[in-house]
Amino acid sequence: YDEDGAWVTCQGSIPQALIAFFDGNNF
């Protein structure tokens, strides 16, 4: 969480979702 609310924006959470996939070994 951050005071500016970036954590609920596309630019503040979609790259994180993508890297979760890329750095994952299975589902």
PDB file of all heavy atoms in Angstrom:
ATOM      1  N   TYR A   1       0.825  -1.201   0.000  1.00  0.00           N
ATOM      2  CA  TYR A   1       0.000   0.000   0.000  1.00  0.00           C
ATOM      3  C   TYR A   1       0.862   1.255   0.000  1.00  0.00           C
ATOM      4  O   TYR A   1       1.956   1.277   0.551  1.00  0.00           O
ATOM      5  CB  TYR A   1      -0.907  -0.015   1.234  1.00  0.00           C
ATOM      6  CG  TYR A   1      -1.647  -1.306   1.379  1.00  0.00           C
ATOM      7  CD1 TYR A   1      -1.276  -2.249   2.322  1.00  0.00           C
ATOM      8  CD2 TYR A   1      -2.712  -1.598   0.527  1.00  0.00           C
ATOM      9  CE1 TYR A   1      -1.942  -3.458   2.429  1.00  0.00           C
ATOM     10  CE2 TYR A   1      -3.377  -2.799   0.621  1.00  0.00           C
ATOM     11  CZ  TYR A   1      -2.997  -3.727   1.578  1.00  0.00           C
ATOM     12  OH  TYR A   1      -3.654  -4.924   1.671  1.00  0.00           O
ATOM     13  N   ASP A   2       0.365   2.288  -0.620  1.00  0.00           N
ATOM     14  CA  ASP A   2       1.056   3.565  -0.617  1.00  0.00           C
ATOM     15  C   ASP A   2       0.012   4.665  -0.540  1.00  0.00           C
ATOM     16  O   ASP A   2      -1.135   4.496  -0.972  1.00  0.00           O
ATOM     17  CB  ASP A   2       1.914   3.725  -1.875  1.00  0.00           C
ATOM     18  CG  ASP A   2       1.105   3.640  -3.148  1.00  0.00           C
ATOM     19  OD1 ASP A   2       0.561   4.668  -3.572  1.00  0.00           O
ATOM     20  OD2 ASP A   2       1.004   2.528  -3.706  1.00  0.00           O
ATOM     21  N   GLU A   3       0.386   5.785   0.007  1.00  0.00           N
ATOM     22  CA  GLU A   3      -0.555   6.867   0.241  1.00  0.00           C
ATOM     23  C   GLU A   3      -1.115   7.452  -1.046  1.00  0.00           C
ATOM     24  O   GLU A   3      -2.210   8.001  -1.066  1.00  0.00           O
ATOM     25  CB  GLU A   3       0.108   7.962   1.077  1.00  0.00           C
ATOM     26  CG  GLU A   3       0.445   7.523   2.500  1.00  0.00           C
ATOM     27  CD  GLU A   3       1.057   8.647   3.316  1.00  0.00           C
ATOM     28  OE1 GLU A   3       1.256   9.750   2.758  1.00  0.00           O
ATOM     29  OE2 GLU A   3       1.338   8.408   4.502  1.00  0.00           O
ATOM     30  N   ASP A   4      -0.367   7.339  -2.130  1.00  0.00           N
ATOM     31  CA  ASP A   4      -0.819   7.902  -3.410  1.00  0.00           C
ATOM     32  C   ASP A   4      -1.805   6.987  -4.131  1.00  0.00           C
ATOM     33  O   ASP A   4      -2.389   7.384  -5.141  1.00  0.00           O
ATOM     34  CB  ASP A   4       0.377   8.169  -4.317  1.00  0.00           C
ATOM     35  CG  ASP A   4       1.304   9.238  -3.758  1.00  0.00           C
ATOM     36  OD1 ASP A   4       0.802  10.133  -3.054  1.00  0.00           O
ATOM     37  OD2 ASP A   4       2.515   9.162  -4.012  1.00  0.00           O
ATOM     38  N   GLY A   5      -1.967   5.776  -3.649  1.00  0.00           N
ATOM     39  CA  GLY A   5      -2.920   4.858  -4.262  1.00  0.00           C
ATOM     40  C   GLY A   5      -2.433   4.179  -5.517  1.00  0.00           C
ATOM     41  O   GLY A   5      -3.234   3.619  -6.272  1.00  0.00           O
ATOM     42  N   ALA A   6      -1.113   4.193  -5.757  1.00  0.00           N
ATOM     43  CA  ALA A   6      -0.580   3.565  -6.974  1.00  0.00           C
ATOM     44  C   ALA A   6      -0.835   2.066  -6.998  1.00  0.00           C
ATOM     45  O   ALA A   6      -0.936   1.471  -8.067  1.00  0.00           O
ATOM     46  CB  ALA A   6       0.921   3.840  -7.095  1.00  0.00           C
ATOM     47  N   TRP A   7      -0.966   1.455  -5.844  1.00  0.00           N
ATOM     48  CA  TRP A   7      -1.116  -0.001  -5.756  1.00  0.00           C
ATOM     49  C   TRP A   7      -2.429  -0.502  -6.353  1.00  0.00           C
ATOM     50  O   TRP A   7      -2.566  -1.692  -6.618  1.00  0.00           O
ATOM     51  CB  TRP A   7      -0.971  -0.461  -4.306  1.00  0.00           C
ATOM     52  CG  TRP A   7      -2.002   0.109  -3.362  1.00  0.00           C
ATOM     53  CD1 TRP A   7      -2.012   1.360  -2.823  1.00  0.00           C
ATOM     54  CD2 TRP A   7      -3.154  -0.549  -2.851  1.00  0.00           C
ATOM     55  NE1 TRP A   7      -3.109   1.525  -2.011  1.00  0.00           N
ATOM     56  CE2 TRP A   7      -3.823   0.374  -2.015  1.00  0.00           C
ATOM     57  CE3 TRP A   7      -3.694  -1.823  -3.029  1.00  0.00           C
ATOM     58  CZ2 TRP A   7      -5.005   0.053  -1.348  1.00  0.00           C
ATOM     59  CZ3 TRP A   7      -4.875  -2.132  -2.354  1.00  0.00           C
ATOM     60  CH2 TRP A   7      -5.512  -1.204  -1.520  1.00  0.00           C
ATOM     61  N   VAL A   8      -3.406   0.381  -6.579  1.00  0.00           N
ATOM     62  CA  VAL A   8      -4.659  -0.042  -7.197  1.00  0.00           C
ATOM     63  C   VAL A   8      -4.811   0.497  -8.619  1.00  0.00           C
ATOM     64  O   VAL A   8      -5.893   0.456  -9.191  1.00  0.00           O
ATOM     65  CB  VAL A   8      -5.886   0.370  -6.351  1.00  0.00           C
ATOM     66  CG1 VAL A   8      -5.899  -0.389  -5.035  1.00  0.00           C
ATOM     67  CG2 VAL A   8      -5.911   1.883  -6.096  1.00  0.00           C
ATOM     68  N   THR A   9      -3.720   1.005  -9.199  1.00  0.00           N
ATOM     69  CA  THR A   9      -3.750   1.472 -10.582  1.00  0.00           C
ATOM     70  C   THR A   9      -3.203   0.393 -11.506  1.00  0.00           C
ATOM     71  O   THR A   9      -2.534  -0.540 -11.073  1.00  0.00           O
ATOM     72  CB  THR A   9      -2.895   2.741 -10.758  1.00  0.00           C
ATOM     73  OG1 THR A   9      -1.514   2.406 -10.540  1.00  0.00           O
ATOM     74  CG2 THR A   9      -3.319   3.828  -9.779  1.00  0.00           C
ATOM     75  N   CYS A  10      -3.493   0.544 -12.784  1.00  0.00           N
ATOM     76  CA  CYS A  10      -2.906  -0.382 -13.760  1.00  0.00           C
ATOM     77  C   CYS A  10      -1.389  -0.303 -13.739  1.00  0.00           C
ATOM     78  O   CYS A  10      -0.711  -1.331 -13.643  1.00  0.00           O
ATOM     79  CB  CYS A  10      -3.417  -0.050 -15.165  1.00  0.00           C
ATOM     80  SG  CYS A  10      -5.102  -0.596 -15.508  1.00  0.00           S
ATOM     81  N   GLN A  11      -0.858   0.911 -13.809  1.00  0.00           N
ATOM     82  CA  GLN A  11       0.586   1.075 -13.896  1.00  0.00           C
ATOM     83  C   GLN A  11       1.296   0.698 -12.594  1.00  0.00           C
ATOM     84  O   GLN A  11       2.506   0.423 -12.597  1.00  0.00           O
ATOM     85  CB  GLN A  11       0.950   2.501 -14.311  1.00  0.00           C
ATOM     86  CG  GLN A  11       0.417   3.603 -13.410  1.00  0.00           C
ATOM     87  CD  GLN A  11      -0.956   4.113 -13.801  1.00  0.00           C
ATOM     88  OE1 GLN A  11      -1.813   3.343 -14.199  1.00  0.00           O
ATOM     89  NE2 GLN A  11      -1.156   5.416 -13.679  1.00  0.00           N
ATOM     90  N   GLY A  12       0.554   0.648 -11.497  1.00  0.00           N
ATOM     91  CA  GLY A  12       1.148   0.313 -10.216  1.00  0.00           C
ATOM     92  C   GLY A  12       0.932  -1.118  -9.780  1.00  0.00           C
ATOM     93  O   GLY A  12       1.381  -1.500  -8.690  1.00  0.00           O
ATOM     94  N   SER A  13       0.250  -1.925 -10.594  1.00  0.00           N
ATOM     95  CA  SER A  13       0.009  -3.316 -10.193  1.00  0.00           C
ATOM     96  C   SER A  13       0.129  -4.316 -11.337  1.00  0.00           C
ATOM     97  O   SER A  13       0.452  -5.481 -11.093  1.00  0.00           O
ATOM     98  CB  SER A  13      -1.369  -3.455  -9.541  1.00  0.00           C
ATOM     99  OG  SER A  13      -2.411  -3.121 -10.445  1.00  0.00           O
ATOM    100  N   ILE A  14      -0.114  -3.910 -12.564  1.00  0.00           N
ATOM    101  CA  ILE A  14      -0.015  -4.857 -13.672  1.00  0.00           C
ATOM    102  C   ILE A  14       1.426  -5.301 -13.919  1.00  0.00           C
ATOM    103  O   ILE A  14       1.667  -6.499 -14.132  1.00  0.00           O
ATOM    104  CB  ILE A  14      -0.676  -4.296 -14.950  1.00  0.00           C
ATOM    105  CG1 ILE A  14      -2.194  -4.278 -14.750  1.00  0.00           C
ATOM    106  CG2 ILE A  14      -0.299  -5.142 -16.169  1.00  0.00           C
ATOM    107  CD1 ILE A  14      -2.996  -3.767 -15.932  1.00  0.00           C
ATOM    108  N   PRO A  15       2.437  -4.415 -13.874  1.00  0.00           N
ATOM    109  CA  PRO A  15       3.809  -4.928 -13.995  1.00  0.00           C
ATOM    110  C   PRO A  15       4.138  -5.952 -12.911  1.00  0.00           C
ATOM    111  O   PRO A  15       4.847  -6.929 -13.166  1.00  0.00           O
ATOM    112  CB  PRO A  15       4.661  -3.665 -13.845  1.00  0.00           C
ATOM    113  CG  PRO A  15       3.771  -2.557 -14.306  1.00  0.00           C
ATOM    114  CD  PRO A  15       2.402  -2.939 -13.827  1.00  0.00           C
ATOM    115  N   GLN A  16       3.594  -5.754 -11.710  1.00  0.00           N
ATOM    116  CA  GLN A  16       3.832  -6.700 -10.623  1.00  0.00           C
ATOM    117  C   GLN A  16       3.161  -8.042 -10.911  1.00  0.00           C
ATOM    118  O   GLN A  16       3.736  -9.108 -10.630  1.00  0.00           O
ATOM    119  CB  GLN A  16       3.312  -6.113  -9.309  1.00  0.00           C
ATOM    120  CG  GLN A  16       4.163  -4.994  -8.726  1.00  0.00           C
ATOM    121  CD  GLN A  16       4.045  -3.664  -9.465  1.00  0.00           C
ATOM    122  OE1 GLN A  16       3.134  -3.456 -10.281  1.00  0.00           O
ATOM    123  NE2 GLN A  16       4.939  -2.741  -9.164  1.00  0.00           N
ATOM    124  N   ALA A  17       1.955  -8.001 -11.462  1.00  0.00           N
ATOM    125  CA  ALA A  17       1.280  -9.250 -11.838  1.00  0.00           C
ATOM    126  C   ALA A  17       2.048  -9.976 -12.935  1.00  0.00           C
ATOM    127  O   ALA A  17       2.164 -11.207 -12.920  1.00  0.00           O
ATOM    128  CB  ALA A  17      -0.150  -8.953 -12.298  1.00  0.00           C
ATOM    129  N   LEU A  18       2.584  -9.218 -13.871  1.00  0.00           N
ATOM    130  CA  LEU A  18       3.350  -9.818 -14.959  1.00  0.00           C
ATOM    131  C   LEU A  18       4.629 -10.469 -14.454  1.00  0.00           C
ATOM    132  O   LEU A  18       4.961 -11.591 -14.847  1.00  0.00           O
ATOM    133  CB  LEU A  18       3.671  -8.759 -16.017  1.00  0.00           C
ATOM    134  CG  LEU A  18       2.485  -8.248 -16.837  1.00  0.00           C
ATOM    135  CD1 LEU A  18       2.878  -7.009 -17.643  1.00  0.00           C
ATOM    136  CD2 LEU A  18       1.954  -9.328 -17.770  1.00  0.00           C
ATOM    137  N   ILE A  19       5.344  -9.790 -13.556  1.00  0.00           N
ATOM    138  CA  ILE A  19       6.597 -10.367 -13.069  1.00  0.00           C
ATOM    139  C   ILE A  19       6.316 -11.571 -12.172  1.00  0.00           C
ATOM    140  O   ILE A  19       7.134 -12.500 -12.095  1.00  0.00           O
ATOM    141  CB  ILE A  19       7.463  -9.303 -12.349  1.00  0.00           C
ATOM    142  CG1 ILE A  19       8.943  -9.712 -12.379  1.00  0.00           C
ATOM    143  CG2 ILE A  19       6.996  -9.063 -10.939  1.00  0.00           C
ATOM    144  CD1 ILE A  19       9.555  -9.756 -13.746  1.00  0.00           C
ATOM    145  N   ALA A  20       5.156 -11.592 -11.530  1.00  0.00           N
ATOM    146  CA  ALA A  20       4.767 -12.779 -10.759  1.00  0.00           C
ATOM    147  C   ALA A  20       4.644 -13.986 -11.678  1.00  0.00           C
ATOM    148  O   ALA A  20       5.048 -15.106 -11.321  1.00  0.00           O
ATOM    149  CB  ALA A  20       3.450 -12.528 -10.034  1.00  0.00           C
ATOM    150  N   PHE A  21       4.111 -13.762 -12.871  1.00  0.00           N
ATOM    151  CA  PHE A  21       4.022 -14.836 -13.855  1.00  0.00           C
ATOM    152  C   PHE A  21       5.400 -15.207 -14.393  1.00  0.00           C
ATOM    153  O   PHE A  21       5.780 -16.379 -14.418  1.00  0.00           O
ATOM    154  CB  PHE A  21       3.104 -14.430 -15.008  1.00  0.00           C
ATOM    155  CG  PHE A  21       3.256 -15.276 -16.235  1.00  0.00           C
ATOM    156  CD1 PHE A  21       2.868 -16.614 -16.227  1.00  0.00           C
ATOM    157  CD2 PHE A  21       3.804 -14.750 -17.401  1.00  0.00           C
ATOM    158  CE1 PHE A  21       3.029 -17.410 -17.356  1.00  0.00           C
ATOM    159  CE2 PHE A  21       3.957 -15.537 -18.535  1.00  0.00           C
ATOM    160  CZ  PHE A  21       3.570 -16.875 -18.510  1.00  0.00           C
ATOM    161  N   PHE A  22       6.159 -14.220 -14.801  1.00  0.00           N
ATOM    162  CA  PHE A  22       7.449 -14.505 -15.423  1.00  0.00           C
ATOM    163  C   PHE A  22       8.412 -15.209 -14.469  1.00  0.00           C
ATOM    164  O   PHE A  22       9.203 -16.053 -14.892  1.00  0.00           O
ATOM    165  CB  PHE A  22       8.080 -13.215 -15.952  1.00  0.00           C
ATOM    166  CG  PHE A  22       7.363 -12.630 -17.132  1.00  0.00           C
ATOM    167  CD1 PHE A  22       6.975 -11.298 -17.142  1.00  0.00           C
ATOM    168  CD2 PHE A  22       7.076 -13.408 -18.238  1.00  0.00           C
ATOM    169  CE1 PHE A  22       6.312 -10.753 -18.236  1.00  0.00           C
ATOM    170  CE2 PHE A  22       6.402 -12.877 -19.337  1.00  0.00           C
ATOM    171  CZ  PHE A  22       6.026 -11.548 -19.330  1.00  0.00           C
ATOM    172  N   ASP A  23       8.348 -14.869 -13.190  1.00  0.00           N
ATOM    173  CA  ASP A  23       9.255 -15.473 -12.215  1.00  0.00           C
ATOM    174  C   ASP A  23       8.684 -16.736 -11.566  1.00  0.00           C
ATOM    175  O   ASP A  23       9.315 -17.308 -10.675  1.00  0.00           O
ATOM    176  CB  ASP A  23       9.611 -14.462 -11.116  1.00  0.00           C
ATOM    177  CG  ASP A  23      10.684 -13.481 -11.559  1.00  0.00           C
ATOM    178  OD1 ASP A  23      11.172 -13.604 -12.701  1.00  0.00           O
ATOM    179  OD2 ASP A  23      11.046 -12.581 -10.776  1.00  0.00           O
ATOM    180  N   GLY A  24       7.521 -17.176 -12.018  1.00  0.00           N
ATOM    181  CA  GLY A  24       6.915 -18.387 -11.476  1.00  0.00           C
ATOM    182  C   GLY A  24       7.362 -19.632 -12.224  1.00  0.00           C
ATOM    183  O   GLY A  24       7.661 -19.575 -13.419  1.00  0.00           O
ATOM    184  N   ASN A  25       7.385 -20.754 -11.522  1.00  0.00           N
ATOM    185  CA  ASN A  25       7.816 -22.017 -12.118  1.00  0.00           C
ATOM    186  C   ASN A  25       6.661 -22.909 -12.537  1.00  0.00           C
ATOM    187  O   ASN A  25       6.852 -23.854 -13.309  1.00  0.00           O
ATOM    188  CB  ASN A  25       8.699 -22.783 -11.122  1.00  0.00           C
ATOM    189  CG  ASN A  25       9.960 -22.017 -10.767  1.00  0.00           C
ATOM    190  OD1 ASN A  25      10.628 -21.470 -11.642  1.00  0.00           O
ATOM    191  ND2 ASN A  25      10.276 -21.956  -9.484  1.00  0.00           N
ATOM    192  N   ASN A  26       5.474 -22.637 -12.019  1.00  0.00           N
ATOM    193  CA  ASN A  26       4.275 -23.398 -12.343  1.00  0.00           C
ATOM    194  C   ASN A  26       3.078 -22.576 -11.909  1.00  0.00           C
ATOM    195  O   ASN A  26       3.241 -21.462 -11.368  1.00  0.00           O
ATOM    196  CB  ASN A  26       4.283 -24.779 -11.661  1.00  0.00           C
ATOM    197  CG  ASN A  26       4.545 -24.687 -10.170  1.00  0.00           C
ATOM    198  OD1 ASN A  26       3.845 -23.976  -9.448  1.00  0.00           O
ATOM    199  ND2 ASN A  26       5.565 -25.394  -9.692  1.00  0.00           N
ATOM    200  N   PHE A  27       1.873 -23.095 -12.118  1.00  0.00           N
ATOM    201  CA  PHE A  27       0.682 -22.299 -11.808  1.00  0.00           C
ATOM    202  C   PHE A  27       0.646 -21.873 -10.348  1.00  0.00           C
ATOM    203  O   PHE A  27       0.447 -20.697 -10.030  1.00  0.00           O
ATOM    204  CB  PHE A  27      -0.588 -23.077 -12.157  1.00  0.00           C
ATOM    205  CG  PHE A  27      -1.847 -22.323 -11.813  1.00  0.00           C
ATOM    206  CD1 PHE A  27      -2.349 -21.368 -12.676  1.00  0.00           C
ATOM    207  CD2 PHE A  27      -2.509 -22.553 -10.608  1.00  0.00           C
ATOM    208  CE1 PHE A  27      -3.495 -20.638 -12.354  1.00  0.00           C
ATOM    209  CE2 PHE A  27      -3.655 -21.834 -10.280  1.00  0.00           C
ATOM    210  CZ  PHE A  27      -4.140 -20.878 -11.156  1.00  0.00           C
TER     211      PHE A  27
END
